[in-house]
Amino acid sequence: MTLDYSDAPTWHRAGDVYASLLRQLQPPVADDPMIWGRFAAVITDVSGVDPQSITPDSPLICDDQLWRGMGRTSAMLWVLLIAGVALTAMLVLLLR
């Protein structure tokens, strides 16, 4: 099974991702009441969050303003690093 990421920009809560998952599952599996528990266990595996604490209204980690800010900062640092390397290379070429 492959999750369709085309609607990923609309995923703000765990329930949004879960709804996308259910659309990909066949009816007998999608109707299984244990699916939510398995889904919660999978999405919390890396973060260490207790799967029992996840509800459909739980925000995804990227929905937190702190994480968004860190992502922007990280991207900016990469841009500055690349620009610095490019400028250094240009200076080396010019000073030869």
PDB file of N, CA and C in Angstrom:
ATOM      1  N   MET A   1       0.833  -1.166   0.000  1.00  0.00           N
ATOM      2  CA  MET A   1       0.000   0.000   0.000  1.00  0.00           C
ATOM      3  C   MET A   1       0.886   1.240   0.000  1.00  0.00           C
ATOM      4  N   THR A   2       0.511   2.210  -0.785  1.00  0.00           N
ATOM      5  CA  THR A   2       1.244   3.466  -0.846  1.00  0.00           C
ATOM      6  C   THR A   2       0.305   4.598  -0.473  1.00  0.00           C
ATOM      7  N   LEU A   3       0.759   5.428   0.422  1.00  0.00           N
ATOM      8  CA  LEU A   3      -0.043   6.566   0.844  1.00  0.00           C
ATOM      9  C   LEU A   3       0.032   7.651  -0.220  1.00  0.00           C
ATOM     10  N   ASP A   4      -1.107   8.206  -0.575  1.00  0.00           N
ATOM     11  CA  ASP A   4      -1.171   9.273  -1.574  1.00  0.00           C
ATOM     12  C   ASP A   4      -0.802  10.592  -0.903  1.00  0.00           C
ATOM     13  N   TYR A   5       0.321  11.153  -1.312  1.00  0.00           N
ATOM     14  CA  TYR A   5       0.806  12.384  -0.699  1.00  0.00           C
ATOM     15  C   TYR A   5       0.263  13.642  -1.379  1.00  0.00           C
ATOM     16  N   SER A   6      -0.605  13.490  -2.353  1.00  0.00           N
ATOM     17  CA  SER A   6      -1.093  14.667  -3.073  1.00  0.00           C
ATOM     18  C   SER A   6      -1.888  15.614  -2.177  1.00  0.00           C
ATOM     19  N   ASP A   7      -2.496  15.079  -1.132  1.00  0.00           N
ATOM     20  CA  ASP A   7      -3.231  15.958  -0.226  1.00  0.00           C
ATOM     21  C   ASP A   7      -2.445  16.268   1.051  1.00  0.00           C
ATOM     22  N   ALA A   8      -1.153  15.967   1.047  1.00  0.00           N
ATOM     23  CA  ALA A   8      -0.303  16.212   2.220  1.00  0.00           C
ATOM     24  C   ALA A   8      -0.312  17.671   2.687  1.00  0.00           C
ATOM     25  N   PRO A   9      -0.412  18.646   1.792  1.00  0.00           N
ATOM     26  CA  PRO A   9      -0.453  20.031   2.286  1.00  0.00           C
ATOM     27  C   PRO A   9      -1.641  20.318   3.212  1.00  0.00           C
ATOM     28  N   THR A  10      -2.645  19.470   3.172  1.00  0.00           N
ATOM     29  CA  THR A  10      -3.812  19.679   4.039  1.00  0.00           C
ATOM     30  C   THR A  10      -3.702  18.909   5.350  1.00  0.00           C
ATOM     31  N   TRP A  11      -2.604  18.202   5.549  1.00  0.00           N
ATOM     32  CA  TRP A  11      -2.424  17.425   6.774  1.00  0.00           C
ATOM     33  C   TRP A  11      -1.911  18.336   7.887  1.00  0.00           C
ATOM     34  N   HIS A  12      -2.782  18.636   8.820  1.00  0.00           N
ATOM     35  CA  HIS A  12      -2.394  19.453   9.966  1.00  0.00           C
ATOM     36  C   HIS A  12      -2.558  18.685  11.272  1.00  0.00           C
ATOM     37  N   ARG A  13      -3.380  17.675  11.232  1.00  0.00           N
ATOM     38  CA  ARG A  13      -3.677  16.874  12.420  1.00  0.00           C
ATOM     39  C   ARG A  13      -3.476  15.394  12.078  1.00  0.00           C
ATOM     40  N   ALA A  14      -3.313  14.597  13.102  1.00  0.00           N
ATOM     41  CA  ALA A  14      -3.148  13.153  12.890  1.00  0.00           C
ATOM     42  C   ALA A  14      -4.346  12.578  12.144  1.00  0.00           C
ATOM     43  N   GLY A  15      -5.523  13.095  12.429  1.00  0.00           N
ATOM     44  CA  GLY A  15      -6.732  12.618  11.765  1.00  0.00           C
ATOM     45  C   GLY A  15      -6.734  12.875  10.267  1.00  0.00           C
ATOM     46  N   ASP A  16      -6.056  13.921   9.830  1.00  0.00           N
ATOM     47  CA  ASP A  16      -5.967  14.214   8.395  1.00  0.00           C
ATOM     48  C   ASP A  16      -5.165  13.127   7.678  1.00  0.00           C
ATOM     49  N   VAL A  17      -4.054  12.742   8.278  1.00  0.00           N
ATOM     50  CA  VAL A  17      -3.223  11.689   7.688  1.00  0.00           C
ATOM     51  C   VAL A  17      -3.973  10.357   7.737  1.00  0.00           C
ATOM     52  N   TYR A  18      -4.638  10.123   8.849  1.00  0.00           N
ATOM     53  CA  TYR A  18      -5.406   8.888   9.022  1.00  0.00           C
ATOM     54  C   TYR A  18      -6.506   8.775   7.965  1.00  0.00           C
ATOM     55  N   ALA A  19      -7.174   9.875   7.677  1.00  0.00           N
ATOM     56  CA  ALA A  19      -8.224   9.861   6.649  1.00  0.00           C
ATOM     57  C   ALA A  19      -7.636   9.504   5.284  1.00  0.00           C
ATOM     58  N   SER A  20      -6.448  10.028   4.986  1.00  0.00           N
ATOM     59  CA  SER A  20      -5.785   9.681   3.724  1.00  0.00           C
ATOM     60  C   SER A  20      -5.430   8.198   3.691  1.00  0.00           C
ATOM     61  N   LEU A  21      -4.988   7.687   4.821  1.00  0.00           N
ATOM     62  CA  LEU A  21      -4.673   6.264   4.913  1.00  0.00           C
ATOM     63  C   LEU A  21      -5.920   5.419   4.672  1.00  0.00           C
ATOM     64  N   LEU A  22      -7.013   5.778   5.307  1.00  0.00           N
ATOM     65  CA  LEU A  22      -8.247   4.999   5.157  1.00  0.00           C
ATOM     66  C   LEU A  22      -8.730   4.969   3.710  1.00  0.00           C
ATOM     67  N   ARG A  23      -8.513   6.050   2.986  1.00  0.00           N
ATOM     68  CA  ARG A  23      -8.930   6.081   1.574  1.00  0.00           C
ATOM     69  C   ARG A  23      -8.137   5.077   0.736  1.00  0.00           C
ATOM     70  N   GLN A  24      -6.952   4.706   1.196  1.00  0.00           N
ATOM     71  CA  GLN A  24      -6.113   3.767   0.452  1.00  0.00           C
ATOM     72  C   GLN A  24      -6.372   2.307   0.832  1.00  0.00           C
ATOM     73  N   LEU A  25      -7.020   2.089   1.960  1.00  0.00           N
ATOM     74  CA  LEU A  25      -7.246   0.727   2.442  1.00  0.00           C
ATOM     75  C   LEU A  25      -8.542   0.144   1.895  1.00  0.00           C
ATOM     76  N   GLN A  26      -8.547  -1.151   1.728  1.00  0.00           N
ATOM     77  CA  GLN A  26      -9.750  -1.854   1.295  1.00  0.00           C
ATOM     78  C   GLN A  26     -10.755  -1.881   2.449  1.00  0.00           C
ATOM     79  N   PRO A  27     -12.063  -1.916   2.152  1.00  0.00           N
ATOM     80  CA  PRO A  27     -13.096  -1.855   3.194  1.00  0.00           C
ATOM     81  C   PRO A  27     -12.929  -2.819   4.375  1.00  0.00           C
ATOM     82  N   PRO A  28     -12.606  -4.077   4.184  1.00  0.00           N
ATOM     83  CA  PRO A  28     -12.508  -4.906   5.393  1.00  0.00           C
ATOM     84  C   PRO A  28     -11.406  -4.424   6.339  1.00  0.00           C
ATOM     85  N   VAL A  29     -10.304  -3.975   5.777  1.00  0.00           N
ATOM     86  CA  VAL A  29      -9.191  -3.505   6.608  1.00  0.00           C
ATOM     87  C   VAL A  29      -9.508  -2.121   7.173  1.00  0.00           C
ATOM     88  N   ALA A  30     -10.048  -1.252   6.350  1.00  0.00           N
ATOM     89  CA  ALA A  30     -10.357   0.111   6.783  1.00  0.00           C
ATOM     90  C   ALA A  30     -11.398   0.130   7.901  1.00  0.00           C
ATOM     91  N   ASP A  31     -12.245  -0.883   7.940  1.00  0.00           N
ATOM     92  CA  ASP A  31     -13.290  -0.947   8.965  1.00  0.00           C
ATOM     93  C   ASP A  31     -12.812  -1.567  10.272  1.00  0.00           C
ATOM     94  N   ASP A  32     -11.594  -2.060  10.293  1.00  0.00           N
ATOM     95  CA  ASP A  32     -11.050  -2.700  11.492  1.00  0.00           C
ATOM     96  C   ASP A  32     -10.842  -1.650  12.586  1.00  0.00           C
ATOM     97  N   PRO A  33     -11.458  -1.822  13.750  1.00  0.00           N
ATOM     98  CA  PRO A  33     -11.324  -0.832  14.821  1.00  0.00           C
ATOM     99  C   PRO A  33      -9.902  -0.732  15.388  1.00  0.00           C
ATOM    100  N   MET A  34      -9.058  -1.692  15.085  1.00  0.00           N
ATOM    101  CA  MET A  34      -7.684  -1.673  15.591  1.00  0.00           C
ATOM    102  C   MET A  34      -6.755  -0.815  14.721  1.00  0.00           C
ATOM    103  N   ILE A  35      -7.236  -0.378  13.576  1.00  0.00           N
ATOM    104  CA  ILE A  35      -6.391   0.385  12.648  1.00  0.00           C
ATOM    105  C   ILE A  35      -5.882   1.676  13.290  1.00  0.00           C
ATOM    106  N   TRP A  36      -6.737   2.396  14.004  1.00  0.00           N
ATOM    107  CA  TRP A  36      -6.283   3.648  14.625  1.00  0.00           C
ATOM    108  C   TRP A  36      -5.117   3.387  15.577  1.00  0.00           C
ATOM    109  N   GLY A  37      -5.204   2.364  16.384  1.00  0.00           N
ATOM    110  CA  GLY A  37      -4.130   2.047  17.324  1.00  0.00           C
ATOM    111  C   GLY A  37      -2.822   1.738  16.620  1.00  0.00           C
ATOM    112  N   ARG A  38      -2.908   0.985  15.538  1.00  0.00           N
ATOM    113  CA  ARG A  38      -1.697   0.676  14.768  1.00  0.00           C
ATOM    114  C   ARG A  38      -1.136   1.932  14.114  1.00  0.00           C
ATOM    115  N   PHE A  39      -2.031   2.754  13.589  1.00  0.00           N
ATOM    116  CA  PHE A  39      -1.616   4.015  12.971  1.00  0.00           C
ATOM    117  C   PHE A  39      -0.911   4.902  14.003  1.00  0.00           C
ATOM    118  N   ALA A  40      -1.514   5.049  15.169  1.00  0.00           N
ATOM    119  CA  ALA A  40      -0.926   5.888  16.222  1.00  0.00           C
ATOM    120  C   ALA A  40       0.440   5.355  16.645  1.00  0.00           C
ATOM    121  N   ALA A  41       0.579   4.040  16.718  1.00  0.00           N
ATOM    122  CA  ALA A  41       1.868   3.444  17.092  1.00  0.00           C
ATOM    123  C   ALA A  41       2.938   3.753  16.049  1.00  0.00           C
ATOM    124  N   VAL A  42       2.561   3.705  14.789  1.00  0.00           N
ATOM    125  CA  VAL A  42       3.530   3.963  13.720  1.00  0.00           C
ATOM    126  C   VAL A  42       3.954   5.430  13.708  1.00  0.00           C
ATOM    127  N   ILE A  43       2.993   6.346  13.808  1.00  0.00           N
ATOM    128  CA  ILE A  43       3.369   7.761  13.703  1.00  0.00           C
ATOM    129  C   ILE A  43       4.089   8.274  14.948  1.00  0.00           C
ATOM    130  N   THR A  44       4.007   7.545  16.041  1.00  0.00           N
ATOM    131  CA  THR A  44       4.704   7.976  17.254  1.00  0.00           C
ATOM    132  C   THR A  44       5.990   7.201  17.502  1.00  0.00           C
ATOM    133  N   ASP A  45       6.277   6.236  16.664  1.00  0.00           N
ATOM    134  CA  ASP A  45       7.446   5.383  16.867  1.00  0.00           C
ATOM    135  C   ASP A  45       8.745   6.183  16.942  1.00  0.00           C
ATOM    136  N   VAL A  46       8.945   7.093  16.037  1.00  0.00           N
ATOM    137  CA  VAL A  46      10.195   7.853  15.984  1.00  0.00           C
ATOM    138  C   VAL A  46      10.244   8.923  17.070  1.00  0.00           C
ATOM    139  N   SER A  47       9.120   9.546  17.344  1.00  0.00           N
ATOM    140  CA  SER A  47       9.108  10.663  18.293  1.00  0.00           C
ATOM    141  C   SER A  47       9.131  10.220  19.750  1.00  0.00           C
ATOM    142  N   GLY A  48       8.733   8.982  20.010  1.00  0.00           N
ATOM    143  CA  GLY A  48       8.684   8.510  21.386  1.00  0.00           C
ATOM    144  C   GLY A  48       7.437   8.953  22.134  1.00  0.00           C
ATOM    145  N   VAL A  49       6.506   9.570  21.441  1.00  0.00           N
ATOM    146  CA  VAL A  49       5.249   9.989  22.055  1.00  0.00           C
ATOM    147  C   VAL A  49       4.419   8.747  22.356  1.00  0.00           C
ATOM    148  N   ASP A  50       3.706   8.771  23.452  1.00  0.00           N
ATOM    149  CA  ASP A  50       2.846   7.652  23.825  1.00  0.00           C
ATOM    150  C   ASP A  50       1.698   7.543  22.820  1.00  0.00           C
ATOM    151  N   PRO A  51       1.579   6.426  22.111  1.00  0.00           N
ATOM    152  CA  PRO A  51       0.505   6.278  21.120  1.00  0.00           C
ATOM    153  C   PRO A  51      -0.892   6.452  21.712  1.00  0.00           C
ATOM    154  N   GLN A  52      -1.028   6.153  22.993  1.00  0.00           N
ATOM    155  CA  GLN A  52      -2.337   6.300  23.639  1.00  0.00           C
ATOM    156  C   GLN A  52      -2.747   7.769  23.762  1.00  0.00           C
ATOM    157  N   SER A  53      -1.773   8.666  23.668  1.00  0.00           N
ATOM    158  CA  SER A  53      -2.081  10.089  23.821  1.00  0.00           C
ATOM    159  C   SER A  53      -2.477  10.753  22.501  1.00  0.00           C
ATOM    160  N   ILE A  54      -2.337  10.036  21.406  1.00  0.00           N
ATOM    161  CA  ILE A  54      -2.647  10.595  20.091  1.00  0.00           C
ATOM    162  C   ILE A  54      -4.140  10.444  19.799  1.00  0.00           C
ATOM    163  N   THR A  55      -4.738  11.531  19.360  1.00  0.00           N
ATOM    164  CA  THR A  55      -6.140  11.523  18.936  1.00  0.00           C
ATOM    165  C   THR A  55      -6.194  12.092  17.513  1.00  0.00           C
ATOM    166  N   PRO A  56      -7.314  11.960  16.840  1.00  0.00           N
ATOM    167  CA  PRO A  56      -7.413  12.561  15.504  1.00  0.00           C
ATOM    168  C   PRO A  56      -7.174  14.075  15.508  1.00  0.00           C
ATOM    169  N   ASP A  57      -7.395  14.722  16.634  1.00  0.00           N
ATOM    170  CA  ASP A  57      -7.178  16.169  16.718  1.00  0.00           C
ATOM    171  C   ASP A  57      -5.754  16.551  17.107  1.00  0.00           C
ATOM    172  N   SER A  58      -4.894  15.567  17.327  1.00  0.00           N
ATOM    173  CA  SER A  58      -3.510  15.865  17.704  1.00  0.00           C
ATOM    174  C   SER A  58      -2.794  16.544  16.541  1.00  0.00           C
ATOM    175  N   PRO A  59      -2.141  17.680  16.818  1.00  0.00           N
ATOM    176  CA  PRO A  59      -1.419  18.358  15.735  1.00  0.00           C
ATOM    177  C   PRO A  59      -0.180  17.570  15.334  1.00  0.00           C
ATOM    178  N   LEU A  60       0.159  17.660  14.079  1.00  0.00           N
ATOM    179  CA  LEU A  60       1.406  17.060  13.625  1.00  0.00           C
ATOM    180  C   LEU A  60       2.546  17.926  14.126  1.00  0.00           C
ATOM    181  N   ILE A  61       3.714  17.356  14.276  1.00  0.00           N
ATOM    182  CA  ILE A  61       4.833  18.081  14.867  1.00  0.00           C
ATOM    183  C   ILE A  61       5.185  19.333  14.074  1.00  0.00           C
ATOM    184  N   CYS A  62       5.014  19.296  12.761  1.00  0.00           N
ATOM    185  CA  CYS A  62       5.356  20.464  11.952  1.00  0.00           C
ATOM    186  C   CYS A  62       4.326  21.576  12.099  1.00  0.00           C
ATOM    187  N   ASP A  63       3.219  21.304  12.774  1.00  0.00           N
ATOM    188  CA  ASP A  63       2.194  22.321  12.970  1.00  0.00           C
ATOM    189  C   ASP A  63       2.573  23.289  14.089  1.00  0.00           C
ATOM    190  N   ASP A  64       3.567  22.932  14.874  1.00  0.00           N
ATOM    191  CA  ASP A  64       4.025  23.755  15.984  1.00  0.00           C
ATOM    192  C   ASP A  64       4.877  24.906  15.444  1.00  0.00           C
ATOM    193  N   GLN A  65       4.622  26.111  15.891  1.00  0.00           N
ATOM    194  CA  GLN A  65       5.353  27.283  15.403  1.00  0.00           C
ATOM    195  C   GLN A  65       6.855  27.169  15.660  1.00  0.00           C
ATOM    196  N   LEU A  66       7.247  26.564  16.783  1.00  0.00           N
ATOM    197  CA  LEU A  66       8.666  26.400  17.082  1.00  0.00           C
ATOM    198  C   LEU A  66       9.343  25.561  16.006  1.00  0.00           C
ATOM    199  N   TRP A  67       8.724  24.448  15.633  1.00  0.00           N
ATOM    200  CA  TRP A  67       9.313  23.582  14.610  1.00  0.00           C
ATOM    201  C   TRP A  67       9.363  24.281  13.264  1.00  0.00           C
ATOM    202  N   ARG A  68       8.332  25.058  12.943  1.00  0.00           N
ATOM    203  CA  ARG A  68       8.348  25.800  11.680  1.00  0.00           C
ATOM    204  C   ARG A  68       9.503  26.789  11.667  1.00  0.00           C
ATOM    205  N   GLY A  69       9.698  27.478  12.781  1.00  0.00           N
ATOM    206  CA  GLY A  69      10.795  28.436  12.875  1.00  0.00           C
ATOM    207  C   GLY A  69      12.147  27.767  12.738  1.00  0.00           C
ATOM    208  N   MET A  70      12.282  26.599  13.340  1.00  0.00           N
ATOM    209  CA  MET A  70      13.541  25.870  13.233  1.00  0.00           C
ATOM    210  C   MET A  70      13.788  25.443  11.794  1.00  0.00           C
ATOM    211  N   GLY A  71      12.751  25.058  11.095  1.00  0.00           N
ATOM    212  CA  GLY A  71      12.890  24.663   9.694  1.00  0.00           C
ATOM    213  C   GLY A  71      13.337  25.826   8.834  1.00  0.00           C
ATOM    214  N   ARG A  72      12.754  26.994   9.073  1.00  0.00           N
ATOM    215  CA  ARG A  72      13.148  28.183   8.311  1.00  0.00           C
ATOM    216  C   ARG A  72      14.587  28.564   8.626  1.00  0.00           C
ATOM    217  N   THR A  73      14.965  28.477   9.895  1.00  0.00           N
ATOM    218  CA  THR A  73      16.329  28.815  10.292  1.00  0.00           C
ATOM    219  C   THR A  73      17.319  27.856   9.653  1.00  0.00           C
ATOM    220  N   SER A  74      16.996  26.589   9.665  1.00  0.00           N
ATOM    221  CA  SER A  74      17.867  25.589   9.060  1.00  0.00           C
ATOM    222  C   SER A  74      18.039  25.853   7.566  1.00  0.00           C
ATOM    223  N   ALA A  75      16.953  26.161   6.887  1.00  0.00           N
ATOM    224  CA  ALA A  75      17.029  26.447   5.452  1.00  0.00           C
ATOM    225  C   ALA A  75      17.879  27.687   5.199  1.00  0.00           C
ATOM    226  N   MET A  76      17.717  28.695   6.035  1.00  0.00           N
ATOM    227  CA  MET A  76      18.487  29.918   5.867  1.00  0.00           C
ATOM    228  C   MET A  76      19.982  29.642   6.072  1.00  0.00           C
ATOM    229  N   LEU A  77      20.308  28.819   7.054  1.00  0.00           N
ATOM    230  CA  LEU A  77      21.713  28.489   7.294  1.00  0.00           C
ATOM    231  C   LEU A  77      22.316  27.749   6.104  1.00  0.00           C
ATOM    232  N   TRP A  78      21.541  26.859   5.496  1.00  0.00           N
ATOM    233  CA  TRP A  78      22.035  26.153   4.313  1.00  0.00           C
ATOM    234  C   TRP A  78      22.289  27.122   3.167  1.00  0.00           C
ATOM    235  N   VAL A  79      21.380  28.059   2.973  1.00  0.00           N
ATOM    236  CA  VAL A  79      21.551  29.049   1.902  1.00  0.00           C
ATOM    237  C   VAL A  79      22.804  29.875   2.163  1.00  0.00           C
ATOM    238  N   LEU A  80      22.984  30.297   3.408  1.00  0.00           N
ATOM    239  CA  LEU A  80      24.176  31.079   3.743  1.00  0.00           C
ATOM    240  C   LEU A  80      25.451  30.265   3.551  1.00  0.00           C
ATOM    241  N   LEU A  81      25.411  29.004   3.911  1.00  0.00           N
ATOM    242  CA  LEU A  81      26.577  28.138   3.735  1.00  0.00           C
ATOM    243  C   LEU A  81      26.923  27.988   2.255  1.00  0.00           C
ATOM    244  N   ILE A  82      25.928  27.730   1.449  1.00  0.00           N
ATOM    245  CA  ILE A  82      26.159  27.568   0.006  1.00  0.00           C
ATOM    246  C   ILE A  82      26.666  28.873  -0.598  1.00  0.00           C
ATOM    247  N   ALA A  83      26.068  29.987  -0.183  1.00  0.00           N
ATOM    248  CA  ALA A  83      26.522  31.288  -0.690  1.00  0.00           C
ATOM    249  C   ALA A  83      27.966  31.551  -0.266  1.00  0.00           C
ATOM    250  N   GLY A  84      28.301  31.199   0.958  1.00  0.00           N
ATOM    251  CA  GLY A  84      29.668  31.382   1.444  1.00  0.00           C
ATOM    252  C   GLY A  84      30.666  30.553   0.657  1.00  0.00           C
ATOM    253  N   VAL A  85      30.314  29.327   0.371  1.00  0.00           N
ATOM    254  CA  VAL A  85      31.192  28.457  -0.418  1.00  0.00           C
ATOM    255  C   VAL A  85      31.352  29.023  -1.828  1.00  0.00           C
ATOM    256  N   ALA A  86      30.260  29.484  -2.403  1.00  0.00           N
ATOM    257  CA  ALA A  86      30.327  30.050  -3.755  1.00  0.00           C
ATOM    258  C   ALA A  86      31.200  31.298  -3.777  1.00  0.00           C
ATOM    259  N   LEU A  87      31.045  32.164  -2.788  1.00  0.00           N
ATOM    260  CA  LEU A  87      31.870  33.377  -2.727  1.00  0.00           C
ATOM    261  C   LEU A  87      33.341  33.039  -2.525  1.00  0.00           C
ATOM    262  N   THR A  88      33.615  32.064  -1.687  1.00  0.00           N
ATOM    263  CA  THR A  88      34.997  31.642  -1.462  1.00  0.00           C
ATOM    264  C   THR A  88      35.607  31.103  -2.751  1.00  0.00           C
ATOM    265  N   ALA A  89      34.856  30.302  -3.466  1.00  0.00           N
ATOM    266  CA  ALA A  89      35.350  29.754  -4.733  1.00  0.00           C
ATOM    267  C   ALA A  89      35.616  30.872  -5.737  1.00  0.00           C
ATOM    268  N   MET A  90      34.737  31.856  -5.775  1.00  0.00           N
ATOM    269  CA  MET A  90      34.930  32.978  -6.694  1.00  0.00           C
ATOM    270  C   MET A  90      36.176  33.779  -6.320  1.00  0.00           C
ATOM    271  N   LEU A  91      36.384  34.004  -5.035  1.00  0.00           N
ATOM    272  CA  LEU A  91      37.567  34.738  -4.588  1.00  0.00           C
ATOM    273  C   LEU A  91      38.850  33.985  -4.933  1.00  0.00           C
ATOM    274  N   VAL A  92      38.832  32.689  -4.740  1.00  0.00           N
ATOM    275  CA  VAL A  92      40.009  31.878  -5.064  1.00  0.00           C
ATOM    276  C   VAL A  92      40.312  31.991  -6.553  1.00  0.00           C
ATOM    277  N   LEU A  93      39.288  31.917  -7.369  1.00  0.00           N
ATOM    278  CA  LEU A  93      39.493  32.023  -8.818  1.00  0.00           C
ATOM    279  C   LEU A  93      39.981  33.416  -9.217  1.00  0.00           C
ATOM    280  N   LEU A  94      39.465  34.439  -8.580  1.00  0.00           N
ATOM    281  CA  LEU A  94      39.865  35.810  -8.911  1.00  0.00           C
ATOM    282  C   LEU A  94      41.281  36.133  -8.457  1.00  0.00           C
ATOM    283  N   LEU A  95      41.705  35.557  -7.361  1.00  0.00           N
ATOM    284  CA  LEU A  95      43.023  35.865  -6.810  1.00  0.00           C
ATOM    285  C   LEU A  95      44.137  35.024  -7.426  1.00  0.00           C
ATOM    286  N   ARG A  96      43.835  34.151  -8.300  1.00  0.00           N
ATOM    287  CA  ARG A  96      44.870  33.325  -8.945  1.00  0.00           C
ATOM    288  C   ARG A  96      45.642  34.098  -9.934  1.00  0.00           C
TER     289      ARG A  96
END
